[in-house]
Amino acid sequence: MTVITLSDCPPKVRGDLSKWLCEISPGVYAGNINARVRTELWARVCENLKSGRATMVYSARCEQQMKFEVHNAHWEPVDLDGILLMRRPLPKPHKAEDNSTGAPQSRAGKMLLARRAEKARRRADYVVIDVETTGLSPERDGIIEIGALLIRNGEEAEEFQTLVRRDSPLSADVVRLTGITDEMLAAEGIPLSEAINGLVAFVANRPIVCHNADFDCGFLISEAKRCGVKLFRSSCTDTLALARRRVNGVKQYSLGHLCEYFGIDVGERHRALPDCKLTFRLFEKLNEI
């Protein structure tokens, strides 16, 4: 048995792990794999996980019946006479702050620093992504629309939206849900490879934000492989996972229900670009909590 946990998992790493392991909780993957696959998976994690942390625990023939690896972690494994333990760094001794530096000491000063940190976060560019599809399975279904919204300094800066041609007709359920028709795809749609290349250029390896990232990124990874396009390498924030950690008292954590909870005007739904704008507004609300 092998268990891998990650934080700030990029879509590329999630795609690699999902091929071999079962995601039993956000960022937690488990399954039975051989040593060669385990070694290669861990190498991929360490190579592509730039900012997040990762831990792997796996069965081994030793006294503890297990071994573990860590990446980007403060704790580190140490071998004590054949027993593998984790060394936790001791906290640094507290030093009295030197008032001569001008560092804020009061509660108001700390709040000022927090506001400055929030402004710095808002200045960072990121891209909100949403896709509309013919169904729920990345293996059997496909993307019919891609939307993306560049956020700069906490404001909507640029938009990307395109319909994608499909060889097979859309189901009545998809047409009813999205309002997208076969005629629209035939008249306005572009080839899948062109659509994904356009999205890759628009994202430009900036951090991305999605609602239910496993769904959107799962389809993007699958479709990129299908047409031989190299997808972007970006850290991903999932507003669904963020809402589950920060919001209580909602019946569902769907984009529509969460927007209603925060008093966000929903308007048009189940089109890629409008859903990007709702996700952006939801993300801003979640960051205020």
C-alpha atoms as a PDB file:
ATOM      1  CA  MET A   1       0.000   0.000   0.000  1.00  0.00           C
ATOM      2  CA  THR A   2       1.231   3.492  -0.873  1.00  0.00           C
ATOM      3  CA  VAL A   3      -0.283   6.768   0.371  1.00  0.00           C
ATOM      4  CA  ILE A   4       0.747  10.187  -0.992  1.00  0.00           C
ATOM      5  CA  THR A   5      -0.532  13.514   0.352  1.00  0.00           C
ATOM      6  CA  LEU A   6       0.080  16.884  -1.322  1.00  0.00           C
ATOM      7  CA  SER A   7      -0.744  20.547  -0.913  1.00  0.00           C
ATOM      8  CA  ASP A   8      -0.968  23.017  -3.841  1.00  0.00           C
ATOM      9  CA  CYS A   9      -0.986  20.111  -6.274  1.00  0.00           C
ATOM     10  CA  PRO A  10      -0.513  21.194  -9.940  1.00  0.00           C
ATOM     11  CA  PRO A  11      -2.863  19.605 -12.499  1.00  0.00           C
ATOM     12  CA  LYS A  12       0.038  17.768 -14.153  1.00  0.00           C
ATOM     13  CA  VAL A  13       0.971  15.999 -10.921  1.00  0.00           C
ATOM     14  CA  ARG A  14      -2.697  15.241 -10.169  1.00  0.00           C
ATOM     15  CA  GLY A  15      -3.005  13.661 -13.592  1.00  0.00           C
ATOM     16  CA  ASP A  16       0.066  11.456 -13.066  1.00  0.00           C
ATOM     17  CA  LEU A  17      -1.107  10.308  -9.636  1.00  0.00           C
ATOM     18  CA  SER A  18      -4.668   9.625 -10.779  1.00  0.00           C
ATOM     19  CA  LYS A  19      -3.410   7.098 -13.323  1.00  0.00           C
ATOM     20  CA  TRP A  20      -2.072   4.813 -10.604  1.00  0.00           C
ATOM     21  CA  LEU A  21      -3.696   5.807  -7.312  1.00  0.00           C
ATOM     22  CA  CYS A  22      -7.190   6.566  -6.041  1.00  0.00           C
ATOM     23  CA  GLU A  23      -7.830  10.093  -4.725  1.00  0.00           C
ATOM     24  CA  ILE A  24      -9.710   9.370  -1.492  1.00  0.00           C
ATOM     25  CA  SER A  25      -9.777  12.986  -0.309  1.00  0.00           C
ATOM     26  CA  PRO A  26      -8.538  16.291  -1.786  1.00  0.00           C
ATOM     27  CA  GLY A  27      -4.773  15.890  -2.100  1.00  0.00           C
ATOM     28  CA  VAL A  28      -4.710  12.338  -0.648  1.00  0.00           C
ATOM     29  CA  TYR A  29      -3.906   9.429  -2.996  1.00  0.00           C
ATOM     30  CA  ALA A  30      -3.745   5.737  -2.042  1.00  0.00           C
ATOM     31  CA  GLY A  31      -3.306   2.421  -3.815  1.00  0.00           C
ATOM     32  CA  ASN A  32      -1.191  -0.665  -4.419  1.00  0.00           C
ATOM     33  CA  ILE A  33       1.655  -0.047  -6.891  1.00  0.00           C
ATOM     34  CA  ASN A  34       5.000  -1.706  -7.468  1.00  0.00           C
ATOM     35  CA  ALA A  35       8.325  -0.209  -6.405  1.00  0.00           C
ATOM     36  CA  ARG A  36       9.280   0.976  -9.893  1.00  0.00           C
ATOM     37  CA  VAL A  37       6.032   2.892 -10.403  1.00  0.00           C
ATOM     38  CA  ARG A  38       6.242   4.308  -6.874  1.00  0.00           C
ATOM     39  CA  THR A  39       9.785   5.573  -7.459  1.00  0.00           C
ATOM     40  CA  GLU A  40       8.877   7.198 -10.770  1.00  0.00           C
ATOM     41  CA  LEU A  41       5.712   8.788  -9.343  1.00  0.00           C
ATOM     42  CA  TRP A  42       7.635  10.276  -6.423  1.00  0.00           C
ATOM     43  CA  ALA A  43      10.285  11.621  -8.789  1.00  0.00           C
ATOM     44  CA  ARG A  44       7.536  13.314 -10.821  1.00  0.00           C
ATOM     45  CA  VAL A  45       6.051  14.819  -7.657  1.00  0.00           C
ATOM     46  CA  CYS A  46       9.407  16.215  -6.498  1.00  0.00           C
ATOM     47  CA  GLU A  47      10.185  17.565  -9.964  1.00  0.00           C
ATOM     48  CA  ASN A  48       6.899  19.404 -10.501  1.00  0.00           C
ATOM     49  CA  LEU A  49       5.736  20.405  -6.998  1.00  0.00           C
ATOM     50  CA  LYS A  50       7.415  23.778  -6.593  1.00  0.00           C
ATOM     51  CA  SER A  51       5.588  25.465  -3.718  1.00  0.00           C
ATOM     52  CA  GLY A  52       3.486  22.774  -2.043  1.00  0.00           C
ATOM     53  CA  ARG A  53       4.466  19.991   0.344  1.00  0.00           C
ATOM     54  CA  ALA A  54       4.310  16.253  -0.271  1.00  0.00           C
ATOM     55  CA  THR A  55       4.558  13.158   1.929  1.00  0.00           C
ATOM     56  CA  MET A  56       4.658   9.524   0.823  1.00  0.00           C
ATOM     57  CA  VAL A  57       4.196   6.501   3.121  1.00  0.00           C
ATOM     58  CA  TYR A  58       4.523   2.981   1.743  1.00  0.00           C
ATOM     59  CA  SER A  59       4.770  -0.612   2.932  1.00  0.00           C
ATOM     60  CA  ALA A  60       8.296  -1.989   3.323  1.00  0.00           C
ATOM     61  CA  ARG A  61      10.039  -5.064   4.674  1.00  0.00           C
ATOM     62  CA  CYS A  62      11.597  -3.580   7.768  1.00  0.00           C
ATOM     63  CA  GLU A  63      10.955  -3.490  11.482  1.00  0.00           C
ATOM     64  CA  GLN A  64       8.328  -0.756  11.156  1.00  0.00           C
ATOM     65  CA  GLN A  65       6.717  -2.384   8.089  1.00  0.00           C
ATOM     66  CA  MET A  66       6.735   1.015   6.392  1.00  0.00           C
ATOM     67  CA  LYS A  67       8.933   3.808   5.072  1.00  0.00           C
ATOM     68  CA  PHE A  68       8.208   7.414   4.170  1.00  0.00           C
ATOM     69  CA  GLU A  69       9.511  10.296   2.061  1.00  0.00           C
ATOM     70  CA  VAL A  70       8.888  14.045   2.294  1.00  0.00           C
ATOM     71  CA  HIS A  71       9.318  16.963  -0.106  1.00  0.00           C
ATOM     72  CA  ASN A  72       9.403  20.701   0.726  1.00  0.00           C
ATOM     73  CA  ALA A  73       8.663  19.881   4.392  1.00  0.00           C
ATOM     74  CA  HIS A  74      10.047  21.345   7.601  1.00  0.00           C
ATOM     75  CA  TRP A  75      10.063  17.928   9.225  1.00  0.00           C
ATOM     76  CA  GLU A  76      12.697  15.510   7.933  1.00  0.00           C
ATOM     77  CA  PRO A  77      13.173  11.718   8.243  1.00  0.00           C
ATOM     78  CA  VAL A  78      16.099  10.459  10.332  1.00  0.00           C
ATOM     79  CA  ASP A  79      17.369   6.904  10.830  1.00  0.00           C
ATOM     80  CA  LEU A  80      17.943   5.971  14.476  1.00  0.00           C
ATOM     81  CA  ASP A  81      19.495   2.494  14.619  1.00  0.00           C
ATOM     82  CA  GLY A  82      17.263   1.174  11.868  1.00  0.00           C
ATOM     83  CA  ILE A  83      14.115   2.970  13.072  1.00  0.00           C
ATOM     84  CA  LEU A  84      12.927   5.723  10.737  1.00  0.00           C
ATOM     85  CA  LEU A  85      11.507   8.714  12.614  1.00  0.00           C
ATOM     86  CA  MET A  86      10.613  12.299  11.771  1.00  0.00           C
ATOM     87  CA  ARG A  87      12.699  15.137  13.164  1.00  0.00           C
ATOM     88  CA  ARG A  88      10.595  18.142  14.033  1.00  0.00           C
ATOM     89  CA  PRO A  89      12.613  21.390  14.141  1.00  0.00           C
ATOM     90  CA  LEU A  90      12.531  23.129  17.488  1.00  0.00           C
ATOM     91  CA  PRO A  91      10.852  26.536  17.470  1.00  0.00           C
ATOM     92  CA  LYS A  92      13.255  29.429  17.477  1.00  0.00           C
ATOM     93  CA  PRO A  93      13.578  31.082  20.877  1.00  0.00           C
ATOM     94  CA  HIS A  94      11.482  34.200  21.190  1.00  0.00           C
ATOM     95  CA  LYS A  95      13.442  37.400  21.018  1.00  0.00           C
ATOM     96  CA  ALA A  96      12.192  40.701  22.291  1.00  0.00           C
ATOM     97  CA  GLU A  97      11.346  42.932  19.366  1.00  0.00           C
ATOM     98  CA  ASP A  98      13.520  45.950  18.920  1.00  0.00           C
ATOM     99  CA  ASN A  99      11.253  48.968  18.897  1.00  0.00           C
ATOM    100  CA  SER A 100      14.019  50.969  17.261  1.00  0.00           C
ATOM    101  CA  THR A 101      13.322  49.157  13.977  1.00  0.00           C
ATOM    102  CA  GLY A 102       9.871  50.710  13.860  1.00  0.00           C
ATOM    103  CA  ALA A 103       8.153  47.296  13.742  1.00  0.00           C
ATOM    104  CA  PRO A 104       4.507  47.609  14.791  1.00  0.00           C
ATOM    105  CA  GLN A 105       3.784  46.286  18.268  1.00  0.00           C
ATOM    106  CA  SER A 106       0.089  47.035  18.632  1.00  0.00           C
ATOM    107  CA  ARG A 107      -2.904  45.099  17.377  1.00  0.00           C
ATOM    108  CA  ALA A 108      -3.582  47.906  14.909  1.00  0.00           C
ATOM    109  CA  GLY A 109      -0.042  47.551  13.579  1.00  0.00           C
ATOM    110  CA  LYS A 110      -0.499  43.828  13.061  1.00  0.00           C
ATOM    111  CA  MET A 111      -3.774  44.465  11.240  1.00  0.00           C
ATOM    112  CA  LEU A 112      -1.968  46.949   9.004  1.00  0.00           C
ATOM    113  CA  LEU A 113       0.611  44.311   8.099  1.00  0.00           C
ATOM    114  CA  ALA A 114      -2.184  41.845   7.361  1.00  0.00           C
ATOM    115  CA  ARG A 115      -3.872  44.352   5.039  1.00  0.00           C
ATOM    116  CA  ARG A 116      -0.583  44.967   3.247  1.00  0.00           C
ATOM    117  CA  ALA A 117      -0.127  41.231   2.793  1.00  0.00           C
ATOM    118  CA  GLU A 118      -3.654  40.976   1.384  1.00  0.00           C
ATOM    119  CA  LYS A 119      -2.943  43.804  -1.064  1.00  0.00           C
ATOM    120  CA  ALA A 120       0.229  42.034  -2.178  1.00  0.00           C
ATOM    121  CA  ARG A 121      -1.795  38.873  -2.763  1.00  0.00           C
ATOM    122  CA  ARG A 122      -4.355  40.775  -4.803  1.00  0.00           C
ATOM    123  CA  ARG A 123      -1.603  42.256  -6.971  1.00  0.00           C
ATOM    124  CA  ALA A 124      -0.517  38.781  -8.067  1.00  0.00           C
ATOM    125  CA  ASP A 125      -1.932  37.750 -11.448  1.00  0.00           C
ATOM    126  CA  TYR A 126      -3.940  34.547 -11.750  1.00  0.00           C
ATOM    127  CA  VAL A 127      -6.341  32.993 -14.253  1.00  0.00           C
ATOM    128  CA  VAL A 128      -9.811  31.604 -13.521  1.00  0.00           C
ATOM    129  CA  ILE A 129     -10.724  28.666 -15.789  1.00  0.00           C
ATOM    130  CA  ASP A 130     -13.986  26.867 -16.555  1.00  0.00           C
ATOM    131  CA  VAL A 131     -14.960  24.299 -19.187  1.00  0.00           C
ATOM    132  CA  GLU A 132     -18.304  23.051 -20.475  1.00  0.00           C
ATOM    133  CA  THR A 133     -18.392  19.416 -21.583  1.00  0.00           C
ATOM    134  CA  THR A 134     -20.562  16.764 -23.222  1.00  0.00           C
ATOM    135  CA  GLY A 135     -20.664  14.724 -19.993  1.00  0.00           C
ATOM    136  CA  LEU A 136     -18.900  13.921 -16.734  1.00  0.00           C
ATOM    137  CA  SER A 137     -16.183  11.468 -17.843  1.00  0.00           C
ATOM    138  CA  PRO A 138     -12.876  12.824 -19.236  1.00  0.00           C
ATOM    139  CA  GLU A 139     -12.298   9.440 -20.891  1.00  0.00           C
ATOM    140  CA  ARG A 140     -15.654   9.196 -22.707  1.00  0.00           C
ATOM    141  CA  ASP A 141     -16.757  12.822 -23.055  1.00  0.00           C
ATOM    142  CA  GLY A 142     -15.176  16.003 -24.377  1.00  0.00           C
ATOM    143  CA  ILE A 143     -14.927  19.777 -24.008  1.00  0.00           C
ATOM    144  CA  ILE A 144     -17.330  21.974 -25.974  1.00  0.00           C
ATOM    145  CA  GLU A 145     -16.388  25.368 -24.502  1.00  0.00           C
ATOM    146  CA  ILE A 146     -13.403  26.864 -22.673  1.00  0.00           C
ATOM    147  CA  GLY A 147     -13.490  30.104 -20.713  1.00  0.00           C
ATOM    148  CA  ALA A 148     -10.693  31.900 -18.860  1.00  0.00           C
ATOM    149  CA  LEU A 149     -10.466  35.192 -16.997  1.00  0.00           C
ATOM    150  CA  LEU A 150      -7.184  36.956 -16.195  1.00  0.00           C
ATOM    151  CA  ILE A 151      -7.263  38.694 -12.807  1.00  0.00           C
ATOM    152  CA  ARG A 152      -4.758  41.487 -12.251  1.00  0.00           C
ATOM    153  CA  ASN A 153      -4.629  43.583  -9.083  1.00  0.00           C
ATOM    154  CA  GLY A 154      -7.877  41.989  -7.952  1.00  0.00           C
ATOM    155  CA  GLU A 155      -9.750  43.106 -11.093  1.00  0.00           C
ATOM    156  CA  GLU A 156     -10.895  41.428 -14.308  1.00  0.00           C
ATOM    157  CA  ALA A 157      -8.226  42.282 -16.892  1.00  0.00           C
ATOM    158  CA  GLU A 158      -8.596  40.016 -19.951  1.00  0.00           C
ATOM    159  CA  GLU A 159     -10.993  37.331 -21.194  1.00  0.00           C
ATOM    160  CA  PHE A 160     -10.610  34.137 -23.211  1.00  0.00           C
ATOM    161  CA  GLN A 161     -13.585  32.206 -24.558  1.00  0.00           C
ATOM    162  CA  THR A 162     -13.991  29.716 -27.375  1.00  0.00           C
ATOM    163  CA  LEU A 163     -16.359  26.989 -28.526  1.00  0.00           C
ATOM    164  CA  VAL A 164     -14.865  23.647 -29.577  1.00  0.00           C
ATOM    165  CA  ARG A 165     -16.064  21.599 -32.531  1.00  0.00           C
ATOM    166  CA  ARG A 166     -17.174  18.022 -31.885  1.00  0.00           C
ATOM    167  CA  ASP A 167     -17.606  15.164 -34.351  1.00  0.00           C
ATOM    168  CA  SER A 168     -20.693  13.750 -32.629  1.00  0.00           C
ATOM    169  CA  PRO A 169     -23.984  15.603 -31.957  1.00  0.00           C
ATOM    170  CA  LEU A 170     -24.724  16.999 -28.502  1.00  0.00           C
ATOM    171  CA  SER A 171     -27.292  15.339 -26.285  1.00  0.00           C
ATOM    172  CA  ALA A 172     -30.552  17.100 -25.525  1.00  0.00           C
ATOM    173  CA  ASP A 173     -29.531  17.350 -21.844  1.00  0.00           C
ATOM    174  CA  VAL A 174     -26.315  19.215 -22.701  1.00  0.00           C
ATOM    175  CA  VAL A 175     -28.156  21.603 -25.029  1.00  0.00           C
ATOM    176  CA  ARG A 176     -30.794  22.256 -22.363  1.00  0.00           C
ATOM    177  CA  LEU A 177     -28.187  22.808 -19.617  1.00  0.00           C
ATOM    178  CA  THR A 178     -25.733  25.026 -21.498  1.00  0.00           C
ATOM    179  CA  GLY A 179     -27.740  26.496 -24.357  1.00  0.00           C
ATOM    180  CA  ILE A 180     -24.926  25.420 -26.698  1.00  0.00           C
ATOM    181  CA  THR A 181     -26.159  23.747 -29.888  1.00  0.00           C
ATOM    182  CA  ASP A 182     -24.585  21.718 -32.686  1.00  0.00           C
ATOM    183  CA  GLU A 183     -25.209  24.658 -35.005  1.00  0.00           C
ATOM    184  CA  MET A 184     -23.249  26.978 -32.704  1.00  0.00           C
ATOM    185  CA  LEU A 185     -20.309  24.575 -32.573  1.00  0.00           C
ATOM    186  CA  ALA A 186     -20.326  24.171 -36.354  1.00  0.00           C
ATOM    187  CA  ALA A 187     -20.479  27.925 -36.980  1.00  0.00           C
ATOM    188  CA  GLU A 188     -18.289  29.283 -34.170  1.00  0.00           C
ATOM    189  CA  GLY A 189     -16.282  26.318 -32.880  1.00  0.00           C
ATOM    190  CA  ILE A 190     -12.570  25.792 -33.519  1.00  0.00           C
ATOM    191  CA  PRO A 191     -10.502  22.571 -33.478  1.00  0.00           C
ATOM    192  CA  LEU A 192      -9.679  21.164 -30.038  1.00  0.00           C
ATOM    193  CA  SER A 193      -5.902  21.559 -30.455  1.00  0.00           C
ATOM    194  CA  GLU A 194      -6.311  25.215 -31.435  1.00  0.00           C
ATOM    195  CA  ALA A 195      -8.566  25.865 -28.429  1.00  0.00           C
ATOM    196  CA  ILE A 196      -6.179  24.298 -25.917  1.00  0.00           C
ATOM    197  CA  ASN A 197      -3.141  26.007 -27.457  1.00  0.00           C
ATOM    198  CA  GLY A 198      -5.000  29.294 -27.127  1.00  0.00           C
ATOM    199  CA  LEU A 199      -5.724  28.598 -23.462  1.00  0.00           C
ATOM    200  CA  VAL A 200      -2.093  27.622 -22.799  1.00  0.00           C
ATOM    201  CA  ALA A 201      -0.901  30.904 -24.309  1.00  0.00           C
ATOM    202  CA  PHE A 202      -3.487  32.859 -22.297  1.00  0.00           C
ATOM    203  CA  VAL A 203      -2.563  31.217 -18.966  1.00  0.00           C
ATOM    204  CA  ALA A 204       1.201  31.578 -19.567  1.00  0.00           C
ATOM    205  CA  ASN A 205       1.974  29.401 -16.518  1.00  0.00           C
ATOM    206  CA  ARG A 206       0.223  31.804 -14.148  1.00  0.00           C
ATOM    207  CA  PRO A 207      -1.533  30.280 -11.109  1.00  0.00           C
ATOM    208  CA  ILE A 208      -5.041  29.092 -11.934  1.00  0.00           C
ATOM    209  CA  VAL A 209      -8.304  29.034  -9.975  1.00  0.00           C
ATOM    210  CA  CYS A 210     -11.199  26.646 -10.689  1.00  0.00           C
ATOM    211  CA  HIS A 211     -14.372  25.497  -8.978  1.00  0.00           C
ATOM    212  CA  ASN A 212     -14.110  21.704  -8.724  1.00  0.00           C
ATOM    213  CA  ALA A 213     -10.612  21.653 -10.199  1.00  0.00           C
ATOM    214  CA  ASP A 214     -10.581  17.866 -10.525  1.00  0.00           C
ATOM    215  CA  PHE A 215     -13.341  18.141 -13.123  1.00  0.00           C
ATOM    216  CA  ASP A 216     -11.970  21.038 -15.187  1.00  0.00           C
ATOM    217  CA  CYS A 217      -8.312  20.024 -14.980  1.00  0.00           C
ATOM    218  CA  GLY A 218      -9.186  16.379 -15.540  1.00  0.00           C
ATOM    219  CA  PHE A 219     -10.847  17.249 -18.848  1.00  0.00           C
ATOM    220  CA  LEU A 220      -8.057  19.627 -19.884  1.00  0.00           C
ATOM    221  CA  ILE A 221      -5.381  17.018 -19.165  1.00  0.00           C
ATOM    222  CA  SER A 222      -7.296  14.312 -21.018  1.00  0.00           C
ATOM    223  CA  GLU A 223      -8.080  16.498 -24.035  1.00  0.00           C
ATOM    224  CA  ALA A 224      -4.517  17.864 -24.226  1.00  0.00           C
ATOM    225  CA  LYS A 225      -3.162  14.317 -24.393  1.00  0.00           C
ATOM    226  CA  ARG A 226      -5.808  13.383 -26.944  1.00  0.00           C
ATOM    227  CA  CYS A 227      -4.660  16.079 -29.365  1.00  0.00           C
ATOM    228  CA  GLY A 228      -0.954  16.055 -28.467  1.00  0.00           C
ATOM    229  CA  VAL A 229      -0.782  19.514 -26.889  1.00  0.00           C
ATOM    230  CA  LYS A 230       1.552  20.280 -23.985  1.00  0.00           C
ATOM    231  CA  LEU A 231      -0.533  21.739 -21.151  1.00  0.00           C
ATOM    232  CA  PHE A 232       0.623  24.549 -18.857  1.00  0.00           C
ATOM    233  CA  ARG A 233       2.341  23.888 -15.532  1.00  0.00           C
ATOM    234  CA  SER A 234       0.534  25.991 -12.973  1.00  0.00           C
ATOM    235  CA  SER A 235      -0.363  25.796  -9.316  1.00  0.00           C
ATOM    236  CA  CYS A 236      -4.113  25.414  -8.868  1.00  0.00           C
ATOM    237  CA  THR A 237      -6.506  26.714  -6.215  1.00  0.00           C
ATOM    238  CA  ASP A 238      -9.855  24.929  -5.990  1.00  0.00           C
ATOM    239  CA  THR A 239     -12.661  27.146  -4.657  1.00  0.00           C
ATOM    240  CA  LEU A 240     -14.694  23.997  -3.952  1.00  0.00           C
ATOM    241  CA  ALA A 241     -12.042  22.662  -1.565  1.00  0.00           C
ATOM    242  CA  LEU A 242     -11.540  26.154  -0.120  1.00  0.00           C
ATOM    243  CA  ALA A 243     -15.271  26.546   0.545  1.00  0.00           C
ATOM    244  CA  ARG A 244     -15.483  23.166   2.266  1.00  0.00           C
ATOM    245  CA  ARG A 245     -12.779  24.306   4.678  1.00  0.00           C
ATOM    246  CA  ARG A 246     -14.182  27.782   5.353  1.00  0.00           C
ATOM    247  CA  VAL A 247     -17.970  27.683   4.878  1.00  0.00           C
ATOM    248  CA  ASN A 248     -20.526  25.895   7.044  1.00  0.00           C
ATOM    249  CA  GLY A 249     -24.300  25.761   6.794  1.00  0.00           C
ATOM    250  CA  VAL A 250     -24.759  25.269   3.042  1.00  0.00           C
ATOM    251  CA  LYS A 251     -26.684  22.322   1.598  1.00  0.00           C
ATOM    252  CA  GLN A 252     -24.368  21.955  -1.380  1.00  0.00           C
ATOM    253  CA  TYR A 253     -20.985  23.344  -2.354  1.00  0.00           C
ATOM    254  CA  SER A 254     -21.896  23.842  -5.995  1.00  0.00           C
ATOM    255  CA  LEU A 255     -20.926  27.139  -7.612  1.00  0.00           C
ATOM    256  CA  GLY A 256     -24.561  28.253  -7.768  1.00  0.00           C
ATOM    257  CA  HIS A 257     -25.372  27.426  -4.136  1.00  0.00           C
ATOM    258  CA  LEU A 258     -22.210  29.117  -2.834  1.00  0.00           C
ATOM    259  CA  CYS A 259     -22.879  32.257  -4.877  1.00  0.00           C
ATOM    260  CA  GLU A 260     -26.398  32.426  -3.455  1.00  0.00           C
ATOM    261  CA  TYR A 261     -24.972  31.947   0.057  1.00  0.00           C
ATOM    262  CA  PHE A 262     -22.668  34.962  -0.402  1.00  0.00           C
ATOM    263  CA  GLY A 263     -25.331  37.068  -2.125  1.00  0.00           C
ATOM    264  CA  ILE A 264     -23.587  36.995  -5.508  1.00  0.00           C
ATOM    265  CA  ASP A 265     -25.949  37.612  -8.437  1.00  0.00           C
ATOM    266  CA  VAL A 266     -25.814  34.349 -10.380  1.00  0.00           C
ATOM    267  CA  GLY A 267     -27.313  35.444 -13.704  1.00  0.00           C
ATOM    268  CA  GLU A 268     -26.252  33.251 -16.642  1.00  0.00           C
ATOM    269  CA  ARG A 269     -24.969  29.785 -15.690  1.00  0.00           C
ATOM    270  CA  HIS A 270     -23.341  26.801 -17.359  1.00  0.00           C
ATOM    271  CA  ARG A 271     -21.462  28.863 -19.911  1.00  0.00           C
ATOM    272  CA  ALA A 272     -17.701  28.921 -19.476  1.00  0.00           C
ATOM    273  CA  LEU A 273     -16.919  32.644 -19.251  1.00  0.00           C
ATOM    274  CA  PRO A 274     -19.892  33.618 -17.016  1.00  0.00           C
ATOM    275  CA  ASP A 275     -18.955  30.746 -14.689  1.00  0.00           C
ATOM    276  CA  CYS A 276     -15.368  32.074 -14.599  1.00  0.00           C
ATOM    277  CA  LYS A 277     -16.684  35.448 -13.442  1.00  0.00           C
ATOM    278  CA  LEU A 278     -18.799  33.807 -10.732  1.00  0.00           C
ATOM    279  CA  THR A 279     -15.816  31.734  -9.588  1.00  0.00           C
ATOM    280  CA  PHE A 280     -13.682  34.889  -9.363  1.00  0.00           C
ATOM    281  CA  ARG A 281     -16.281  36.659  -7.218  1.00  0.00           C
ATOM    282  CA  LEU A 282     -16.660  33.561  -5.033  1.00  0.00           C
ATOM    283  CA  PHE A 283     -12.870  33.344  -4.623  1.00  0.00           C
ATOM    284  CA  GLU A 284     -12.763  36.957  -3.471  1.00  0.00           C
ATOM    285  CA  LYS A 285     -15.510  36.282  -0.911  1.00  0.00           C
ATOM    286  CA  LEU A 286     -13.755  33.170   0.396  1.00  0.00           C
ATOM    287  CA  ASN A 287     -10.530  35.133   0.866  1.00  0.00           C
ATOM    288  CA  GLU A 288     -12.360  37.604   3.093  1.00  0.00           C
ATOM    289  CA  ILE A 289     -13.182  34.873   5.623  1.00  0.00           C
END
